[in-house]
């Protein structure tokens, strides 16, 4: 059995980020072979990742990386906000973004199969990070946008927005466009994100559902309960405009000047820039949106520790 020195353990810890005891065990198992010990720890990481897969990971970060006329936005989740703020985790996320920009995957499955670096696929790197950091984590979603766009990240990765525009290169190169495009991204991040760019994108089923909600609300009001259906229909028609103002980006009130809509702001900017200008699409991500959050009970946690 090869003698395992403190320096060997420290070097392995520096290489892998794994705890001292685990490093010592791996070196003993590998009979002092450093590379074999690294391999053993990585192989163990696969089983550790499987054990942690069921744990709630609703923290993490939303991040954006831009390369030329291509941008990628990604949400990567971890169990705690503490880990999400760790520089190792941030570098891990940036590595995934580089893999996306290089490989242009269409799905999470395709992304996981891409090379992360010379040693790992993206999938293997995720598992290695779970083992190294000790928390469950996963790549939740990503989007690739190419063309003319603006990006915005708020709150150190709590919210991200990419907006794609239809504009010619000369118009997009003017200083006024940069300010306009940033303001549109801020518009989406600042309030309740819209669902559509314009009202003609709203599915008929969504409009009908909103009408049925409005009809129910009106009939539940005692003052309106006995009104004829034709009158209620007219009332609904008057109220449906609020739905479009809420759900359609160009009909929202412009956040920096509520005397105009986003659409009016866009038309004024296009006139100032002397070129055609419109919003093609937008992509808002909010960290942990829709995910179950872990609820910690401090008293139960202490009791559990005392009983061990």
C-alpha atoms as a PDB file:
ATOM      1  CA  UNK A   1       0.000   0.000   0.000  1.00  0.00           C
ATOM      2  CA  UNK A   2       1.463   3.343  -1.060  1.00  0.00           C
ATOM      3  CA  UNK A   3       1.934   5.958   1.647  1.00  0.00           C
ATOM      4  CA  UNK A   4      -0.709   8.694   1.350  1.00  0.00           C
ATOM      5  CA  UNK A   5       0.729  12.063   2.299  1.00  0.00           C
ATOM      6  CA  UNK A   6      -1.100  15.208   3.362  1.00  0.00           C
ATOM      7  CA  UNK A   7       0.167  16.933   0.221  1.00  0.00           C
ATOM      8  CA  UNK A   8      -1.361  14.235  -2.001  1.00  0.00           C
ATOM      9  CA  UNK A   9      -4.705  14.678  -0.275  1.00  0.00           C
ATOM     10  CA  UNK A  10      -4.472  18.472  -0.539  1.00  0.00           C
ATOM     11  CA  UNK A  11      -3.571  18.281  -4.238  1.00  0.00           C
ATOM     12  CA  UNK A  12      -6.513  15.980  -4.945  1.00  0.00           C
ATOM     13  CA  UNK A  13      -8.846  18.289  -3.034  1.00  0.00           C
ATOM     14  CA  UNK A  14      -7.559  21.267  -5.030  1.00  0.00           C
ATOM     15  CA  UNK A  15      -8.137  19.366  -8.278  1.00  0.00           C
ATOM     16  CA  UNK A  16     -11.628  18.047  -7.498  1.00  0.00           C
ATOM     17  CA  UNK A  17     -13.069  20.286  -4.785  1.00  0.00           C
ATOM     18  CA  UNK A  18     -14.099  17.162  -2.850  1.00  0.00           C
ATOM     19  CA  UNK A  19     -13.796  16.877   0.949  1.00  0.00           C
ATOM     20  CA  UNK A  20     -10.520  15.777   2.539  1.00  0.00           C
ATOM     21  CA  UNK A  21     -11.816  12.447   3.858  1.00  0.00           C
ATOM     22  CA  UNK A  22     -13.265  11.459   0.475  1.00  0.00           C
ATOM     23  CA  UNK A  23      -9.976  12.403  -1.197  1.00  0.00           C
ATOM     24  CA  UNK A  24      -7.992  10.278   1.271  1.00  0.00           C
ATOM     25  CA  UNK A  25     -10.319   7.308   0.721  1.00  0.00           C
ATOM     26  CA  UNK A  26      -9.990   7.630  -3.053  1.00  0.00           C
ATOM     27  CA  UNK A  27      -6.178   7.773  -2.865  1.00  0.00           C
ATOM     28  CA  UNK A  28      -6.110   4.695  -0.649  1.00  0.00           C
ATOM     29  CA  UNK A  29      -8.416   2.860  -3.031  1.00  0.00           C
ATOM     30  CA  UNK A  30      -6.233   3.899  -5.978  1.00  0.00           C
ATOM     31  CA  UNK A  31      -3.055   2.867  -4.122  1.00  0.00           C
ATOM     32  CA  UNK A  32      -1.714   6.427  -4.362  1.00  0.00           C
ATOM     33  CA  UNK A  33      -2.322   6.826  -8.117  1.00  0.00           C
ATOM     34  CA  UNK A  34      -3.466  10.458  -8.450  1.00  0.00           C
ATOM     35  CA  UNK A  35      -5.177  10.130 -11.850  1.00  0.00           C
ATOM     36  CA  UNK A  36      -6.929   6.939 -10.789  1.00  0.00           C
ATOM     37  CA  UNK A  37      -8.163   8.683  -7.631  1.00  0.00           C
ATOM     38  CA  UNK A  38      -9.603  11.524  -9.734  1.00  0.00           C
ATOM     39  CA  UNK A  39     -11.342   8.930 -11.907  1.00  0.00           C
ATOM     40  CA  UNK A  40     -12.770   7.149  -8.865  1.00  0.00           C
ATOM     41  CA  UNK A  41     -14.156  10.373  -7.433  1.00  0.00           C
ATOM     42  CA  UNK A  42     -15.790  11.231 -10.762  1.00  0.00           C
ATOM     43  CA  UNK A  43     -17.307   7.769 -10.995  1.00  0.00           C
ATOM     44  CA  UNK A  44     -18.665   8.161  -7.477  1.00  0.00           C
ATOM     45  CA  UNK A  45     -20.117  11.456  -8.613  1.00  0.00           C
ATOM     46  CA  UNK A  46     -22.496   9.599 -10.908  1.00  0.00           C
ATOM     47  CA  UNK A  47     -24.102   7.758  -8.002  1.00  0.00           C
ATOM     48  CA  UNK A  48     -24.149  10.880  -5.834  1.00  0.00           C
ATOM     49  CA  UNK A  49     -25.928  12.759  -8.615  1.00  0.00           C
ATOM     50  CA  UNK A  50     -28.547  10.023  -8.851  1.00  0.00           C
ATOM     51  CA  UNK A  51     -29.185  10.169  -5.091  1.00  0.00           C
ATOM     52  CA  UNK A  52     -29.605  13.953  -5.142  1.00  0.00           C
ATOM     53  CA  UNK A  53     -31.786  14.030  -8.277  1.00  0.00           C
ATOM     54  CA  UNK A  54     -35.041  14.034  -6.288  1.00  0.00           C
ATOM     55  CA  UNK A  55     -34.108  17.035  -4.166  1.00  0.00           C
ATOM     56  CA  UNK A  56     -35.749  20.377  -4.943  1.00  0.00           C
ATOM     57  CA  UNK A  57     -33.561  22.729  -6.981  1.00  0.00           C
ATOM     58  CA  UNK A  58     -35.455  26.009  -7.420  1.00  0.00           C
ATOM     59  CA  UNK A  59     -32.646  28.487  -6.789  1.00  0.00           C
ATOM     60  CA  UNK A  60     -29.867  29.162  -9.273  1.00  0.00           C
ATOM     61  CA  UNK A  61     -29.369  31.786 -11.932  1.00  0.00           C
ATOM     62  CA  UNK A  62     -30.609  33.157 -15.233  1.00  0.00           C
ATOM     63  CA  UNK A  63     -27.713  34.260 -17.424  1.00  0.00           C
ATOM     64  CA  UNK A  64     -27.146  35.571 -20.969  1.00  0.00           C
ATOM     65  CA  UNK A  65     -24.081  35.280 -23.188  1.00  0.00           C
ATOM     66  CA  UNK A  66     -23.712  37.128 -26.495  1.00  0.00           C
ATOM     67  CA  UNK A  67     -21.387  36.211 -29.334  1.00  0.00           C
ATOM     68  CA  UNK A  68     -21.681  38.369 -32.460  1.00  0.00           C
ATOM     69  CA  UNK A  69     -25.273  38.301 -33.698  1.00  0.00           C
ATOM     70  CA  UNK A  70     -26.206  35.336 -31.504  1.00  0.00           C
ATOM     71  CA  UNK A  71     -27.351  35.315 -27.880  1.00  0.00           C
ATOM     72  CA  UNK A  72     -28.144  32.461 -25.523  1.00  0.00           C
ATOM     73  CA  UNK A  73     -30.155  32.764 -22.318  1.00  0.00           C
ATOM     74  CA  UNK A  74     -30.171  29.913 -19.827  1.00  0.00           C
ATOM     75  CA  UNK A  75     -31.632  29.011 -16.454  1.00  0.00           C
ATOM     76  CA  UNK A  76     -29.580  26.622 -14.326  1.00  0.00           C
ATOM     77  CA  UNK A  77     -31.011  25.625 -10.954  1.00  0.00           C
ATOM     78  CA  UNK A  78     -29.389  24.620  -7.683  1.00  0.00           C
ATOM     79  CA  UNK A  79     -30.797  23.953  -4.213  1.00  0.00           C
ATOM     80  CA  UNK A  80     -29.554  27.089  -2.449  1.00  0.00           C
ATOM     81  CA  UNK A  81     -28.955  30.716  -3.278  1.00  0.00           C
ATOM     82  CA  UNK A  82     -25.552  30.404  -1.576  1.00  0.00           C
ATOM     83  CA  UNK A  83     -24.314  27.971  -4.234  1.00  0.00           C
ATOM     84  CA  UNK A  84     -25.792  30.089  -7.040  1.00  0.00           C
ATOM     85  CA  UNK A  85     -23.611  33.012  -5.943  1.00  0.00           C
ATOM     86  CA  UNK A  86     -20.474  30.855  -5.871  1.00  0.00           C
ATOM     87  CA  UNK A  87     -17.933  31.727  -8.572  1.00  0.00           C
ATOM     88  CA  UNK A  88     -17.408  28.034  -9.391  1.00  0.00           C
ATOM     89  CA  UNK A  89     -21.127  27.697 -10.160  1.00  0.00           C
ATOM     90  CA  UNK A  90     -21.110  30.879 -12.253  1.00  0.00           C
ATOM     91  CA  UNK A  91     -18.148  29.621 -14.277  1.00  0.00           C
ATOM     92  CA  UNK A  92     -19.970  26.311 -14.758  1.00  0.00           C
ATOM     93  CA  UNK A  93     -22.973  28.181 -16.199  1.00  0.00           C
ATOM     94  CA  UNK A  94     -20.744  30.199 -18.529  1.00  0.00           C
ATOM     95  CA  UNK A  95     -19.202  26.951 -19.765  1.00  0.00           C
ATOM     96  CA  UNK A  96     -22.651  25.607 -20.640  1.00  0.00           C
ATOM     97  CA  UNK A  97     -23.455  28.810 -22.531  1.00  0.00           C
ATOM     98  CA  UNK A  98     -20.252  28.443 -24.555  1.00  0.00           C
ATOM     99  CA  UNK A  99     -21.250  24.877 -25.405  1.00  0.00           C
ATOM    100  CA  UNK A 100     -24.671  26.090 -26.590  1.00  0.00           C
ATOM    101  CA  UNK A 101     -23.190  28.837 -28.767  1.00  0.00           C
ATOM    102  CA  UNK A 102     -20.756  26.343 -30.313  1.00  0.00           C
ATOM    103  CA  UNK A 103     -23.180  23.457 -30.835  1.00  0.00           C
ATOM    104  CA  UNK A 104     -26.575  25.202 -31.283  1.00  0.00           C
ATOM    105  CA  UNK A 105     -28.621  22.373 -29.709  1.00  0.00           C
ATOM    106  CA  UNK A 106     -32.406  22.342 -30.154  1.00  0.00           C
ATOM    107  CA  UNK A 107     -33.270  20.520 -26.915  1.00  0.00           C
ATOM    108  CA  UNK A 108     -31.943  19.892 -23.413  1.00  0.00           C
ATOM    109  CA  UNK A 109     -31.176  16.313 -24.465  1.00  0.00           C
ATOM    110  CA  UNK A 110     -29.030  17.545 -27.368  1.00  0.00           C
ATOM    111  CA  UNK A 111     -27.306  20.030 -25.067  1.00  0.00           C
ATOM    112  CA  UNK A 112     -26.419  17.360 -22.494  1.00  0.00           C
ATOM    113  CA  UNK A 113     -24.701  15.317 -25.215  1.00  0.00           C
ATOM    114  CA  UNK A 114     -22.468  18.220 -26.317  1.00  0.00           C
ATOM    115  CA  UNK A 115     -18.822  18.477 -25.174  1.00  0.00           C
ATOM    116  CA  UNK A 116     -18.374  20.793 -22.189  1.00  0.00           C
ATOM    117  CA  UNK A 117     -14.579  20.694 -22.420  1.00  0.00           C
ATOM    118  CA  UNK A 118     -11.871  18.169 -23.263  1.00  0.00           C
ATOM    119  CA  UNK A 119     -12.814  15.985 -20.281  1.00  0.00           C
ATOM    120  CA  UNK A 120     -16.595  16.140 -19.994  1.00  0.00           C
ATOM    121  CA  UNK A 121     -19.830  16.187 -21.901  1.00  0.00           C
ATOM    122  CA  UNK A 122     -22.302  18.729 -20.517  1.00  0.00           C
ATOM    123  CA  UNK A 123     -24.228  15.886 -18.843  1.00  0.00           C
ATOM    124  CA  UNK A 124     -21.091  14.515 -17.184  1.00  0.00           C
ATOM    125  CA  UNK A 125     -20.093  18.004 -16.056  1.00  0.00           C
ATOM    126  CA  UNK A 126     -23.489  18.513 -14.393  1.00  0.00           C
ATOM    127  CA  UNK A 127     -23.031  15.234 -12.493  1.00  0.00           C
ATOM    128  CA  UNK A 128     -19.468  16.165 -11.560  1.00  0.00           C
ATOM    129  CA  UNK A 129     -20.663  19.527 -10.203  1.00  0.00           C
ATOM    130  CA  UNK A 130     -23.380  17.821  -8.141  1.00  0.00           C
ATOM    131  CA  UNK A 131     -20.720  15.602  -6.583  1.00  0.00           C
ATOM    132  CA  UNK A 132     -18.221  18.413  -6.058  1.00  0.00           C
ATOM    133  CA  UNK A 133     -20.633  20.993  -4.607  1.00  0.00           C
ATOM    134  CA  UNK A 134     -22.995  18.559  -2.895  1.00  0.00           C
ATOM    135  CA  UNK A 135     -26.284  19.936  -4.184  1.00  0.00           C
ATOM    136  CA  UNK A 136     -28.740  18.803  -6.813  1.00  0.00           C
ATOM    137  CA  UNK A 137     -28.650  21.038  -9.887  1.00  0.00           C
ATOM    138  CA  UNK A 138     -30.047  20.927 -13.378  1.00  0.00           C
ATOM    139  CA  UNK A 139     -30.270  22.825 -16.631  1.00  0.00           C
ATOM    140  CA  UNK A 140     -33.910  23.843 -16.784  1.00  0.00           C
ATOM    141  CA  UNK A 141     -34.209  25.715 -20.093  1.00  0.00           C
ATOM    142  CA  UNK A 142     -32.392  27.791 -22.685  1.00  0.00           C
ATOM    143  CA  UNK A 143     -33.136  29.825 -25.773  1.00  0.00           C
ATOM    144  CA  UNK A 144     -30.950  30.874 -28.708  1.00  0.00           C
ATOM    145  CA  UNK A 145     -31.741  34.157 -30.490  1.00  0.00           C
ATOM    146  CA  UNK A 146     -30.023  35.292 -33.671  1.00  0.00           C
ATOM    147  CA  UNK A 147     -30.272  38.587 -35.521  1.00  0.00           C
ATOM    148  CA  UNK A 148     -30.875  42.050 -34.069  1.00  0.00           C
ATOM    149  CA  UNK A 149     -31.715  41.882 -30.373  1.00  0.00           C
ATOM    150  CA  UNK A 150     -31.329  43.463 -26.954  1.00  0.00           C
ATOM    151  CA  UNK A 151     -30.648  41.695 -23.672  1.00  0.00           C
ATOM    152  CA  UNK A 152     -31.200  42.512 -20.019  1.00  0.00           C
ATOM    153  CA  UNK A 153     -30.308  40.761 -16.759  1.00  0.00           C
ATOM    154  CA  UNK A 154     -31.825  41.984 -13.495  1.00  0.00           C
ATOM    155  CA  UNK A 155     -30.924  41.295  -9.884  1.00  0.00           C
ATOM    156  CA  UNK A 156     -27.709  39.333 -10.488  1.00  0.00           C
ATOM    157  CA  UNK A 157     -29.559  36.668 -12.422  1.00  0.00           C
ATOM    158  CA  UNK A 158     -33.090  36.638 -11.001  1.00  0.00           C
ATOM    159  CA  UNK A 159     -34.649  37.780 -14.294  1.00  0.00           C
ATOM    160  CA  UNK A 160     -33.451  37.767 -17.901  1.00  0.00           C
ATOM    161  CA  UNK A 161     -34.959  39.099 -21.115  1.00  0.00           C
ATOM    162  CA  UNK A 162     -34.024  38.875 -24.782  1.00  0.00           C
ATOM    163  CA  UNK A 163     -35.994  40.893 -27.339  1.00  0.00           C
ATOM    164  CA  UNK A 164     -35.596  40.317 -31.076  1.00  0.00           C
ATOM    165  CA  UNK A 165     -36.337  43.165 -33.505  1.00  0.00           C
ATOM    166  CA  UNK A 166     -37.123  43.533 -37.169  1.00  0.00           C
ATOM    167  CA  UNK A 167     -34.929  46.370 -38.439  1.00  0.00           C
ATOM    168  CA  UNK A 168     -32.381  46.952 -41.173  1.00  0.00           C
ATOM    169  CA  UNK A 169     -28.703  47.141 -40.271  1.00  0.00           C
ATOM    170  CA  UNK A 170     -28.455  50.913 -40.819  1.00  0.00           C
ATOM    171  CA  UNK A 171     -31.361  51.622 -38.472  1.00  0.00           C
ATOM    172  CA  UNK A 172     -30.011  49.254 -35.824  1.00  0.00           C
ATOM    173  CA  UNK A 173     -26.582  50.924 -35.990  1.00  0.00           C
ATOM    174  CA  UNK A 174     -27.938  54.341 -34.974  1.00  0.00           C
ATOM    175  CA  UNK A 175     -27.440  55.414 -31.326  1.00  0.00           C
ATOM    176  CA  UNK A 176     -31.160  55.927 -30.808  1.00  0.00           C
ATOM    177  CA  UNK A 177     -31.850  52.254 -31.538  1.00  0.00           C
ATOM    178  CA  UNK A 178     -29.599  51.045 -28.716  1.00  0.00           C
ATOM    179  CA  UNK A 179     -31.537  53.139 -26.198  1.00  0.00           C
ATOM    180  CA  UNK A 180     -34.892  52.062 -27.646  1.00  0.00           C
ATOM    181  CA  UNK A 181     -34.033  48.353 -27.647  1.00  0.00           C
ATOM    182  CA  UNK A 182     -32.773  48.508 -24.056  1.00  0.00           C
ATOM    183  CA  UNK A 183     -35.980  50.259 -22.981  1.00  0.00           C
ATOM    184  CA  UNK A 184     -38.128  47.527 -24.523  1.00  0.00           C
ATOM    185  CA  UNK A 185     -36.200  44.857 -22.621  1.00  0.00           C
ATOM    186  CA  UNK A 186     -36.628  46.901 -19.429  1.00  0.00           C
ATOM    187  CA  UNK A 187     -40.355  47.200 -20.169  1.00  0.00           C
ATOM    188  CA  UNK A 188     -40.743  43.417 -20.174  1.00  0.00           C
ATOM    189  CA  UNK A 189     -38.628  42.917 -17.041  1.00  0.00           C
ATOM    190  CA  UNK A 190     -40.178  45.781 -15.064  1.00  0.00           C
ATOM    191  CA  UNK A 191     -43.758  44.589 -14.766  1.00  0.00           C
ATOM    192  CA  UNK A 192     -45.963  41.633 -15.544  1.00  0.00           C
ATOM    193  CA  UNK A 193     -44.449  40.116 -18.709  1.00  0.00           C
ATOM    194  CA  UNK A 194     -46.819  40.160 -21.686  1.00  0.00           C
ATOM    195  CA  UNK A 195     -47.684  36.949 -23.515  1.00  0.00           C
ATOM    196  CA  UNK A 196     -47.790  38.277 -27.102  1.00  0.00           C
ATOM    197  CA  UNK A 197     -46.317  41.084 -29.173  1.00  0.00           C
ATOM    198  CA  UNK A 198     -49.547  42.174 -30.901  1.00  0.00           C
ATOM    199  CA  UNK A 199     -53.242  41.318 -30.518  1.00  0.00           C
ATOM    200  CA  UNK A 200     -53.347  39.429 -33.819  1.00  0.00           C
ATOM    201  CA  UNK A 201     -51.041  36.828 -32.196  1.00  0.00           C
ATOM    202  CA  UNK A 202     -53.552  36.081 -29.433  1.00  0.00           C
ATOM    203  CA  UNK A 203     -55.299  32.733 -30.072  1.00  0.00           C
ATOM    204  CA  UNK A 204     -59.078  32.934 -30.433  1.00  0.00           C
ATOM    205  CA  UNK A 205     -59.405  30.384 -27.615  1.00  0.00           C
ATOM    206  CA  UNK A 206     -57.547  32.692 -25.211  1.00  0.00           C
ATOM    207  CA  UNK A 207     -59.821  35.612 -26.088  1.00  0.00           C
ATOM    208  CA  UNK A 208     -62.920  33.430 -25.660  1.00  0.00           C
ATOM    209  CA  UNK A 209     -61.703  32.209 -22.270  1.00  0.00           C
ATOM    210  CA  UNK A 210     -61.204  35.798 -21.123  1.00  0.00           C
ATOM    211  CA  UNK A 211     -64.704  36.713 -22.335  1.00  0.00           C
ATOM    212  CA  UNK A 212     -66.234  33.867 -20.320  1.00  0.00           C
ATOM    213  CA  UNK A 213     -64.386  35.096 -17.209  1.00  0.00           C
ATOM    214  CA  UNK A 214     -65.684  38.641 -17.778  1.00  0.00           C
ATOM    215  CA  UNK A 215     -69.240  37.396 -18.342  1.00  0.00           C
ATOM    216  CA  UNK A 216     -69.113  35.453 -15.067  1.00  0.00           C
ATOM    217  CA  UNK A 217     -67.755  38.477 -13.211  1.00  0.00           C
ATOM    218  CA  UNK A 218     -70.504  40.722 -14.586  1.00  0.00           C
ATOM    219  CA  UNK A 219     -73.300  38.249 -13.791  1.00  0.00           C
ATOM    220  CA  UNK A 220     -71.962  37.752 -10.263  1.00  0.00           C
ATOM    221  CA  UNK A 221     -72.491  41.465  -9.641  1.00  0.00           C
ATOM    222  CA  UNK A 222     -76.040  41.919  -8.293  1.00  0.00           C
ATOM    223  CA  UNK A 223     -76.435  45.187 -10.215  1.00  0.00           C
ATOM    224  CA  UNK A 224     -75.885  43.388 -13.534  1.00  0.00           C
ATOM    225  CA  UNK A 225     -77.355  39.958 -12.848  1.00  0.00           C
ATOM    226  CA  UNK A 226     -80.678  40.644 -14.606  1.00  0.00           C
ATOM    227  CA  UNK A 227     -79.337  42.539 -17.602  1.00  0.00           C
ATOM    228  CA  UNK A 228     -80.031  41.046 -21.051  1.00  0.00           C
ATOM    229  CA  UNK A 229     -77.292  39.001 -22.660  1.00  0.00           C
ATOM    230  CA  UNK A 230     -76.931  41.567 -25.442  1.00  0.00           C
ATOM    231  CA  UNK A 231     -76.103  44.293 -22.905  1.00  0.00           C
ATOM    232  CA  UNK A 232     -73.657  42.003 -21.084  1.00  0.00           C
ATOM    233  CA  UNK A 233     -71.982  41.222 -24.417  1.00  0.00           C
ATOM    234  CA  UNK A 234     -71.459  44.949 -25.035  1.00  0.00           C
ATOM    235  CA  UNK A 235     -70.010  45.336 -21.544  1.00  0.00           C
ATOM    236  CA  UNK A 236     -67.606  42.479 -22.229  1.00  0.00           C
ATOM    237  CA  UNK A 237     -66.518  44.054 -25.519  1.00  0.00           C
ATOM    238  CA  UNK A 238     -65.713  47.238 -23.627  1.00  0.00           C
ATOM    239  CA  UNK A 239     -63.680  45.385 -21.034  1.00  0.00           C
ATOM    240  CA  UNK A 240     -61.743  43.055 -23.359  1.00  0.00           C
ATOM    241  CA  UNK A 241     -59.447  45.937 -24.284  1.00  0.00           C
ATOM    242  CA  UNK A 242     -57.925  45.692 -20.791  1.00  0.00           C
ATOM    243  CA  UNK A 243     -57.002  42.104 -21.580  1.00  0.00           C
ATOM    244  CA  UNK A 244     -55.099  43.158 -24.718  1.00  0.00           C
ATOM    245  CA  UNK A 245     -53.380  45.978 -22.807  1.00  0.00           C
ATOM    246  CA  UNK A 246     -52.181  43.458 -20.268  1.00  0.00           C
ATOM    247  CA  UNK A 247     -51.214  40.594 -22.569  1.00  0.00           C
ATOM    248  CA  UNK A 248     -49.899  42.362 -25.705  1.00  0.00           C
ATOM    249  CA  UNK A 249     -46.543  44.139 -25.470  1.00  0.00           C
ATOM    250  CA  UNK A 250     -47.262  46.918 -27.977  1.00  0.00           C
ATOM    251  CA  UNK A 251     -50.518  47.797 -26.174  1.00  0.00           C
ATOM    252  CA  UNK A 252     -49.000  48.042 -22.708  1.00  0.00           C
ATOM    253  CA  UNK A 253     -48.425  51.478 -21.247  1.00  0.00           C
ATOM    254  CA  UNK A 254     -44.806  52.454 -21.816  1.00  0.00           C
ATOM    255  CA  UNK A 255     -43.079  52.137 -18.447  1.00  0.00           C
ATOM    256  CA  UNK A 256     -41.026  55.332 -18.820  1.00  0.00           C
ATOM    257  CA  UNK A 257     -43.902  57.489 -20.116  1.00  0.00           C
ATOM    258  CA  UNK A 258     -47.430  56.320 -19.320  1.00  0.00           C
ATOM    259  CA  UNK A 259     -48.910  58.894 -21.688  1.00  0.00           C
ATOM    260  CA  UNK A 260     -48.121  56.525 -24.568  1.00  0.00           C
ATOM    261  CA  UNK A 261     -48.208  52.814 -25.314  1.00  0.00           C
ATOM    262  CA  UNK A 262     -45.170  50.732 -26.219  1.00  0.00           C
ATOM    263  CA  UNK A 263     -46.462  50.651 -29.795  1.00  0.00           C
ATOM    264  CA  UNK A 264     -46.632  54.442 -29.930  1.00  0.00           C
ATOM    265  CA  UNK A 265     -43.125  54.689 -28.480  1.00  0.00           C
ATOM    266  CA  UNK A 266     -41.908  52.290 -31.165  1.00  0.00           C
ATOM    267  CA  UNK A 267     -43.582  54.288 -33.960  1.00  0.00           C
ATOM    268  CA  UNK A 268     -42.056  57.523 -32.666  1.00  0.00           C
ATOM    269  CA  UNK A 269     -38.613  55.927 -32.501  1.00  0.00           C
ATOM    270  CA  UNK A 270     -38.920  54.518 -36.032  1.00  0.00           C
ATOM    271  CA  UNK A 271     -39.807  57.988 -37.296  1.00  0.00           C
ATOM    272  CA  UNK A 272     -36.825  59.532 -35.491  1.00  0.00           C
ATOM    273  CA  UNK A 273     -34.469  56.892 -36.874  1.00  0.00           C
ATOM    274  CA  UNK A 274     -35.905  57.105 -40.370  1.00  0.00           C
ATOM    275  CA  UNK A 275     -36.376  53.360 -40.850  1.00  0.00           C
ATOM    276  CA  UNK A 276     -38.853  50.527 -40.439  1.00  0.00           C
ATOM    277  CA  UNK A 277     -38.888  49.049 -36.955  1.00  0.00           C
ATOM    278  CA  UNK A 278     -40.922  46.376 -35.178  1.00  0.00           C
ATOM    279  CA  UNK A 279     -40.659  43.815 -32.385  1.00  0.00           C
ATOM    280  CA  UNK A 280     -40.324  40.272 -33.680  1.00  0.00           C
ATOM    281  CA  UNK A 281     -40.403  38.277 -30.432  1.00  0.00           C
ATOM    282  CA  UNK A 282     -39.334  38.309 -26.791  1.00  0.00           C
ATOM    283  CA  UNK A 283     -38.193  35.780 -24.200  1.00  0.00           C
ATOM    284  CA  UNK A 284     -38.524  36.492 -20.458  1.00  0.00           C
ATOM    285  CA  UNK A 285     -37.040  34.088 -17.884  1.00  0.00           C
ATOM    286  CA  UNK A 286     -37.596  34.399 -14.149  1.00  0.00           C
ATOM    287  CA  UNK A 287     -35.437  32.220 -11.908  1.00  0.00           C
ATOM    288  CA  UNK A 288     -37.442  29.427 -10.321  1.00  0.00           C
ATOM    289  CA  UNK A 289     -40.687  30.502 -11.990  1.00  0.00           C
ATOM    290  CA  UNK A 290     -43.311  27.790 -11.452  1.00  0.00           C
ATOM    291  CA  UNK A 291     -40.959  25.524  -9.497  1.00  0.00           C
ATOM    292  CA  UNK A 292     -41.738  24.137  -6.070  1.00  0.00           C
ATOM    293  CA  UNK A 293     -39.706  25.929  -3.411  1.00  0.00           C
ATOM    294  CA  UNK A 294     -38.058  24.139  -0.521  1.00  0.00           C
ATOM    295  CA  UNK A 295     -39.608  25.163   2.792  1.00  0.00           C
ATOM    296  CA  UNK A 296     -37.139  24.738   5.638  1.00  0.00           C
ATOM    297  CA  UNK A 297     -38.361  24.345   9.223  1.00  0.00           C
ATOM    298  CA  UNK A 298     -35.496  25.408  11.453  1.00  0.00           C
ATOM    299  CA  UNK A 299     -36.950  23.786  14.578  1.00  0.00           C
ATOM    300  CA  UNK A 300     -37.391  20.440  12.849  1.00  0.00           C
ATOM    301  CA  UNK A 301     -33.876  20.666  11.449  1.00  0.00           C
ATOM    302  CA  UNK A 302     -32.373  21.200  14.919  1.00  0.00           C
ATOM    303  CA  UNK A 303     -34.440  18.344  16.362  1.00  0.00           C
ATOM    304  CA  UNK A 304     -33.266  16.043  13.588  1.00  0.00           C
ATOM    305  CA  UNK A 305     -29.626  16.936  14.256  1.00  0.00           C
ATOM    306  CA  UNK A 306     -29.984  16.293  18.015  1.00  0.00           C
ATOM    307  CA  UNK A 307     -31.519  12.870  17.417  1.00  0.00           C
ATOM    308  CA  UNK A 308     -28.679  11.658  15.204  1.00  0.00           C
END
